[in-house]
Amino acid sequence: MLEGLYVDQVLMHENIRAYPIMPQETSGVDMGSQMIYRYSLKESDYPTLIIVDPIYDEERNVIPPGYYGLALSDARDFLILIQSKKAYAIIPVFKVEEDATEPSRLNDKKYKKQLKKEARERKEVNEKRAKAGMPPDEEKVHMEASIEYNPKGFYLIKYERGPVRAWGAIKD
């Protein structure tokens, strides 16, 4: 009890604490005001691409090594390499595939019935999770991103999210 009082009263006093707990004034770009942030999927909805070595282009611009989110444009003609809400590269797509059996599966009566049952169960579980202060349980989507170097002088990037697959290339 004494520790709680000490921390609450002494360490949180405005003259002792060098920096406030929360910023008193916001400056710069407001969170969520950038285009890539405002009109995009949640961060967890992008497959993660790991780049091990720096990638240079002809003008010696570099994509540094790191973890990147890989997003497919709405028109499905570009892959966007994103890190911390900043687009690092726009990669042209040369091939896009979509699972042809997906529409027929979604229109199947048995599958629709199963989806309704799962949605009802998920709703019940989410109500219980909300009472406990937990985030809601969401349906998982298969996501995968990979990059490999081709000796012919380009990097091949594979994007997969749900039934959609796309391939793009970065010239070395």
C-alpha atoms as a PDB file:
ATOM      1  CA  MET A   1       0.000   0.000   0.000  1.00  0.00           C
ATOM      2  CA  LEU A   2       2.825   2.343   0.822  1.00  0.00           C
ATOM      3  CA  GLU A   3       4.417   1.650  -2.568  1.00  0.00           C
ATOM      4  CA  GLY A   4       1.175   2.527  -4.355  1.00  0.00           C
ATOM      5  CA  LEU A   5       0.865   5.825  -2.493  1.00  0.00           C
ATOM      6  CA  TYR A   6       4.524   6.639  -3.094  1.00  0.00           C
ATOM      7  CA  VAL A   7       4.303   5.975  -6.833  1.00  0.00           C
ATOM      8  CA  ASP A   8       0.971   7.753  -7.260  1.00  0.00           C
ATOM      9  CA  GLN A   9       1.766  10.843  -5.197  1.00  0.00           C
ATOM     10  CA  VAL A  10       5.517  11.374  -5.441  1.00  0.00           C
ATOM     11  CA  LEU A  11       6.755   9.935  -8.737  1.00  0.00           C
ATOM     12  CA  MET A  12       3.787  11.232 -10.720  1.00  0.00           C
ATOM     13  CA  HIS A  13       4.095  14.769  -9.338  1.00  0.00           C
ATOM     14  CA  GLU A  14       4.511  17.262 -12.172  1.00  0.00           C
ATOM     15  CA  ASN A  15       7.651  18.885 -10.726  1.00  0.00           C
ATOM     16  CA  ILE A  16       9.491  15.583 -10.178  1.00  0.00           C
ATOM     17  CA  ARG A  17       8.670  13.797 -13.404  1.00  0.00           C
ATOM     18  CA  ALA A  18      10.889  15.124 -16.207  1.00  0.00           C
ATOM     19  CA  TYR A  19       8.515  14.109 -19.011  1.00  0.00           C
ATOM     20  CA  PRO A  20       4.730  13.962 -18.805  1.00  0.00           C
ATOM     21  CA  ILE A  21       3.071  10.562 -19.088  1.00  0.00           C
ATOM     22  CA  MET A  22       1.129  11.558 -22.192  1.00  0.00           C
ATOM     23  CA  PRO A  23       2.009  14.302 -24.673  1.00  0.00           C
ATOM     24  CA  GLN A  24       0.290  17.522 -23.714  1.00  0.00           C
ATOM     25  CA  GLU A  25       0.290  18.895 -27.243  1.00  0.00           C
ATOM     26  CA  THR A  26       0.308  17.035 -30.537  1.00  0.00           C
ATOM     27  CA  SER A  27       2.540  18.301 -33.292  1.00  0.00           C
ATOM     28  CA  GLY A  28       3.380  17.219 -36.796  1.00  0.00           C
ATOM     29  CA  VAL A  29       1.268  14.705 -38.689  1.00  0.00           C
ATOM     30  CA  ASP A  30      -1.770  13.472 -36.781  1.00  0.00           C
ATOM     31  CA  MET A  31      -2.028   9.718 -36.437  1.00  0.00           C
ATOM     32  CA  GLY A  32      -4.385   8.406 -39.096  1.00  0.00           C
ATOM     33  CA  SER A  33      -4.261  11.422 -41.371  1.00  0.00           C
ATOM     34  CA  GLN A  34      -1.876   9.878 -43.906  1.00  0.00           C
ATOM     35  CA  MET A  35      -3.461   8.340 -47.021  1.00  0.00           C
ATOM     36  CA  ILE A  36      -1.750   4.975 -46.619  1.00  0.00           C
ATOM     37  CA  TYR A  37      -3.145   4.806 -43.088  1.00  0.00           C
ATOM     38  CA  ARG A  38      -6.625   6.182 -43.591  1.00  0.00           C
ATOM     39  CA  TYR A  39      -7.706   4.011 -46.520  1.00  0.00           C
ATOM     40  CA  SER A  40      -5.802   0.844 -45.735  1.00  0.00           C
ATOM     41  CA  LEU A  41      -6.388  -2.455 -44.021  1.00  0.00           C
ATOM     42  CA  LYS A  42      -5.362  -2.907 -40.412  1.00  0.00           C
ATOM     43  CA  GLU A  43      -1.648  -3.472 -39.900  1.00  0.00           C
ATOM     44  CA  SER A  44      -2.212  -7.144 -39.176  1.00  0.00           C
ATOM     45  CA  ASP A  45      -4.030  -7.601 -42.500  1.00  0.00           C
ATOM     46  CA  TYR A  46      -0.833  -7.304 -44.532  1.00  0.00           C
ATOM     47  CA  PRO A  47       1.460 -10.262 -45.053  1.00  0.00           C
ATOM     48  CA  THR A  48       4.921  -9.570 -43.646  1.00  0.00           C
ATOM     49  CA  LEU A  49       7.895  -9.587 -46.000  1.00  0.00           C
ATOM     50  CA  ILE A  50      11.360  -9.950 -44.465  1.00  0.00           C
ATOM     51  CA  ILE A  51      14.199  -8.382 -46.454  1.00  0.00           C
ATOM     52  CA  VAL A  52      17.601  -9.584 -45.263  1.00  0.00           C
ATOM     53  CA  ASP A  53      19.996  -7.656 -47.531  1.00  0.00           C
ATOM     54  CA  PRO A  54      19.641  -4.079 -48.822  1.00  0.00           C
ATOM     55  CA  ILE A  55      18.178  -3.816 -52.321  1.00  0.00           C
ATOM     56  CA  TYR A  56      19.614  -1.128 -54.600  1.00  0.00           C
ATOM     57  CA  ASP A  57      18.171   0.147 -57.860  1.00  0.00           C
ATOM     58  CA  GLU A  58      20.003   1.673 -60.840  1.00  0.00           C
ATOM     59  CA  GLU A  59      20.067   5.121 -59.217  1.00  0.00           C
ATOM     60  CA  ARG A  60      21.493   3.662 -55.970  1.00  0.00           C
ATOM     61  CA  ASN A  61      18.275   4.219 -54.039  1.00  0.00           C
ATOM     62  CA  VAL A  62      18.037   1.605 -51.331  1.00  0.00           C
ATOM     63  CA  ILE A  63      15.407  -0.484 -49.597  1.00  0.00           C
ATOM     64  CA  PRO A  64      17.043  -1.229 -46.238  1.00  0.00           C
ATOM     65  CA  PRO A  65      16.777  -4.650 -44.593  1.00  0.00           C
ATOM     66  CA  GLY A  66      13.841  -5.106 -42.254  1.00  0.00           C
ATOM     67  CA  TYR A  67      10.261  -6.220 -41.836  1.00  0.00           C
ATOM     68  CA  TYR A  68       7.773  -4.780 -44.313  1.00  0.00           C
ATOM     69  CA  GLY A  69       4.053  -5.047 -44.894  1.00  0.00           C
ATOM     70  CA  LEU A  70       3.166  -6.025 -48.451  1.00  0.00           C
ATOM     71  CA  ALA A  71      -0.125  -4.685 -49.830  1.00  0.00           C
ATOM     72  CA  LEU A  72      -1.792  -5.273 -53.182  1.00  0.00           C
ATOM     73  CA  SER A  73      -3.370  -2.209 -54.809  1.00  0.00           C
ATOM     74  CA  ASP A  74      -7.117  -2.204 -55.469  1.00  0.00           C
ATOM     75  CA  ALA A  75      -6.580  -2.434 -59.229  1.00  0.00           C
ATOM     76  CA  ARG A  76      -4.178  -5.349 -58.599  1.00  0.00           C
ATOM     77  CA  ASP A  77      -1.448  -3.835 -60.735  1.00  0.00           C
ATOM     78  CA  PHE A  78       1.040  -2.850 -57.993  1.00  0.00           C
ATOM     79  CA  LEU A  79       2.443  -4.266 -54.763  1.00  0.00           C
ATOM     80  CA  ILE A  80       3.214  -1.641 -52.135  1.00  0.00           C
ATOM     81  CA  LEU A  81       6.074  -2.189 -49.674  1.00  0.00           C
ATOM     82  CA  ILE A  82       5.083  -0.496 -46.394  1.00  0.00           C
ATOM     83  CA  GLN A  83       6.996   0.056 -43.167  1.00  0.00           C
ATOM     84  CA  SER A  84       5.617   2.195 -40.323  1.00  0.00           C
ATOM     85  CA  LYS A  85       2.854   3.585 -42.558  1.00  0.00           C
ATOM     86  CA  LYS A  86       5.457   4.776 -45.062  1.00  0.00           C
ATOM     87  CA  ALA A  87       5.495   3.369 -48.593  1.00  0.00           C
ATOM     88  CA  TYR A  88       9.070   2.380 -49.473  1.00  0.00           C
ATOM     89  CA  ALA A  89       8.495   0.942 -52.934  1.00  0.00           C
ATOM     90  CA  ILE A  90       5.801   0.413 -55.524  1.00  0.00           C
ATOM     91  CA  ILE A  91       6.425  -2.847 -57.349  1.00  0.00           C
ATOM     92  CA  PRO A  92       4.725  -3.648 -60.682  1.00  0.00           C
ATOM     93  CA  VAL A  93       2.744  -6.900 -60.737  1.00  0.00           C
ATOM     94  CA  PHE A  94       3.166  -9.142 -63.758  1.00  0.00           C
ATOM     95  CA  LYS A  95       0.841 -12.013 -62.752  1.00  0.00           C
ATOM     96  CA  VAL A  96      -2.306 -12.253 -60.615  1.00  0.00           C
ATOM     97  CA  GLU A  97      -4.227 -15.438 -59.828  1.00  0.00           C
ATOM     98  CA  GLU A  98      -7.505 -15.847 -58.002  1.00  0.00           C
ATOM     99  CA  ASP A  99      -8.955 -19.168 -56.877  1.00  0.00           C
ATOM    100  CA  ALA A 100     -11.706 -19.992 -59.414  1.00  0.00           C
ATOM    101  CA  THR A 101     -13.554 -22.316 -57.015  1.00  0.00           C
ATOM    102  CA  GLU A 102     -14.037 -19.574 -54.398  1.00  0.00           C
ATOM    103  CA  PRO A 103     -17.271 -18.031 -55.811  1.00  0.00           C
ATOM    104  CA  SER A 104     -18.946 -21.421 -56.196  1.00  0.00           C
ATOM    105  CA  ARG A 105     -17.912 -22.404 -52.676  1.00  0.00           C
ATOM    106  CA  LEU A 106     -19.282 -19.155 -51.246  1.00  0.00           C
ATOM    107  CA  ASN A 107     -22.639 -19.738 -52.984  1.00  0.00           C
ATOM    108  CA  ASP A 108     -22.991 -23.294 -51.667  1.00  0.00           C
ATOM    109  CA  LYS A 109     -26.009 -23.601 -49.307  1.00  0.00           C
ATOM    110  CA  LYS A 110     -24.230 -25.928 -46.863  1.00  0.00           C
ATOM    111  CA  TYR A 111     -21.276 -23.564 -46.648  1.00  0.00           C
ATOM    112  CA  LYS A 112     -23.562 -20.548 -46.081  1.00  0.00           C
ATOM    113  CA  LYS A 113     -25.294 -22.440 -43.276  1.00  0.00           C
ATOM    114  CA  GLN A 114     -21.924 -23.277 -41.719  1.00  0.00           C
ATOM    115  CA  LEU A 115     -20.836 -19.621 -41.964  1.00  0.00           C
ATOM    116  CA  LYS A 116     -24.010 -18.464 -40.197  1.00  0.00           C
ATOM    117  CA  LYS A 117     -23.422 -20.995 -37.416  1.00  0.00           C
ATOM    118  CA  GLU A 118     -19.791 -19.877 -37.011  1.00  0.00           C
ATOM    119  CA  ALA A 119     -20.847 -16.206 -37.008  1.00  0.00           C
ATOM    120  CA  ARG A 120     -23.417 -16.871 -34.279  1.00  0.00           C
ATOM    121  CA  GLU A 121     -20.835 -18.756 -32.173  1.00  0.00           C
ATOM    122  CA  ARG A 122     -18.242 -16.016 -32.738  1.00  0.00           C
ATOM    123  CA  LYS A 123     -20.779 -13.371 -31.680  1.00  0.00           C
ATOM    124  CA  GLU A 124     -21.420 -15.220 -28.404  1.00  0.00           C
ATOM    125  CA  VAL A 125     -17.710 -15.604 -27.744  1.00  0.00           C
ATOM    126  CA  ASN A 126     -17.048 -11.923 -28.550  1.00  0.00           C
ATOM    127  CA  GLU A 127     -19.746 -10.824 -26.102  1.00  0.00           C
ATOM    128  CA  LYS A 128     -18.008 -12.836 -23.363  1.00  0.00           C
ATOM    129  CA  ARG A 129     -14.622 -11.447 -24.394  1.00  0.00           C
ATOM    130  CA  ALA A 130     -15.983  -7.879 -24.313  1.00  0.00           C
ATOM    131  CA  LYS A 131     -17.209  -8.381 -20.739  1.00  0.00           C
ATOM    132  CA  ALA A 132     -13.711  -9.520 -19.762  1.00  0.00           C
ATOM    133  CA  GLY A 133     -12.119  -6.531 -21.544  1.00  0.00           C
ATOM    134  CA  MET A 134     -10.496  -8.622 -24.262  1.00  0.00           C
ATOM    135  CA  PRO A 135     -10.353  -7.718 -27.967  1.00  0.00           C
ATOM    136  CA  PRO A 136     -12.840  -9.493 -30.235  1.00  0.00           C
ATOM    137  CA  ASP A 137     -11.963 -12.772 -31.913  1.00  0.00           C
ATOM    138  CA  GLU A 138     -11.751 -12.281 -35.666  1.00  0.00           C
ATOM    139  CA  GLU A 139     -11.675 -14.712 -38.548  1.00  0.00           C
ATOM    140  CA  LYS A 140      -8.141 -15.528 -39.657  1.00  0.00           C
ATOM    141  CA  VAL A 141      -7.071 -15.158 -43.285  1.00  0.00           C
ATOM    142  CA  HIS A 142      -4.121 -17.057 -44.778  1.00  0.00           C
ATOM    143  CA  MET A 143      -1.359 -14.569 -45.667  1.00  0.00           C
ATOM    144  CA  GLU A 144       2.124 -15.128 -47.026  1.00  0.00           C
ATOM    145  CA  ALA A 145       4.842 -13.001 -48.619  1.00  0.00           C
ATOM    146  CA  SER A 146       8.248 -14.086 -49.863  1.00  0.00           C
ATOM    147  CA  ILE A 147      11.176 -12.683 -51.812  1.00  0.00           C
ATOM    148  CA  GLU A 148      13.889 -14.528 -53.704  1.00  0.00           C
ATOM    149  CA  TYR A 149      16.774 -13.436 -55.876  1.00  0.00           C
ATOM    150  CA  ASN A 150      16.926 -14.681 -59.446  1.00  0.00           C
ATOM    151  CA  PRO A 151      20.433 -14.856 -60.981  1.00  0.00           C
ATOM    152  CA  LYS A 152      19.083 -13.157 -64.116  1.00  0.00           C
ATOM    153  CA  GLY A 153      19.179  -9.888 -62.166  1.00  0.00           C
ATOM    154  CA  PHE A 154      15.864  -9.367 -60.399  1.00  0.00           C
ATOM    155  CA  TYR A 155      14.070 -10.076 -57.135  1.00  0.00           C
ATOM    156  CA  LEU A 156      10.854 -12.079 -57.394  1.00  0.00           C
ATOM    157  CA  ILE A 157       8.216 -11.139 -54.814  1.00  0.00           C
ATOM    158  CA  LYS A 158       5.272 -13.442 -54.118  1.00  0.00           C
ATOM    159  CA  TYR A 159       2.128 -12.113 -52.381  1.00  0.00           C
ATOM    160  CA  GLU A 160      -0.668 -14.329 -51.122  1.00  0.00           C
ATOM    161  CA  ARG A 161      -3.726 -13.299 -49.109  1.00  0.00           C
ATOM    162  CA  GLY A 162      -6.806 -15.495 -49.035  1.00  0.00           C
ATOM    163  CA  PRO A 163      -7.697 -16.664 -52.563  1.00  0.00           C
ATOM    164  CA  VAL A 164      -5.562 -13.983 -54.307  1.00  0.00           C
ATOM    165  CA  ARG A 165      -1.945 -14.502 -55.371  1.00  0.00           C
ATOM    166  CA  ALA A 166       0.261 -11.957 -57.115  1.00  0.00           C
ATOM    167  CA  TRP A 167       3.838 -11.884 -58.334  1.00  0.00           C
ATOM    168  CA  GLY A 168       5.973  -8.797 -58.790  1.00  0.00           C
ATOM    169  CA  ALA A 169       9.590  -8.108 -59.656  1.00  0.00           C
ATOM    170  CA  ILE A 170      12.265  -5.615 -58.656  1.00  0.00           C
ATOM    171  CA  LYS A 171      15.074  -5.216 -61.172  1.00  0.00           C
ATOM    172  CA  ASP A 172      18.518  -5.375 -59.603  1.00  0.00           C
END
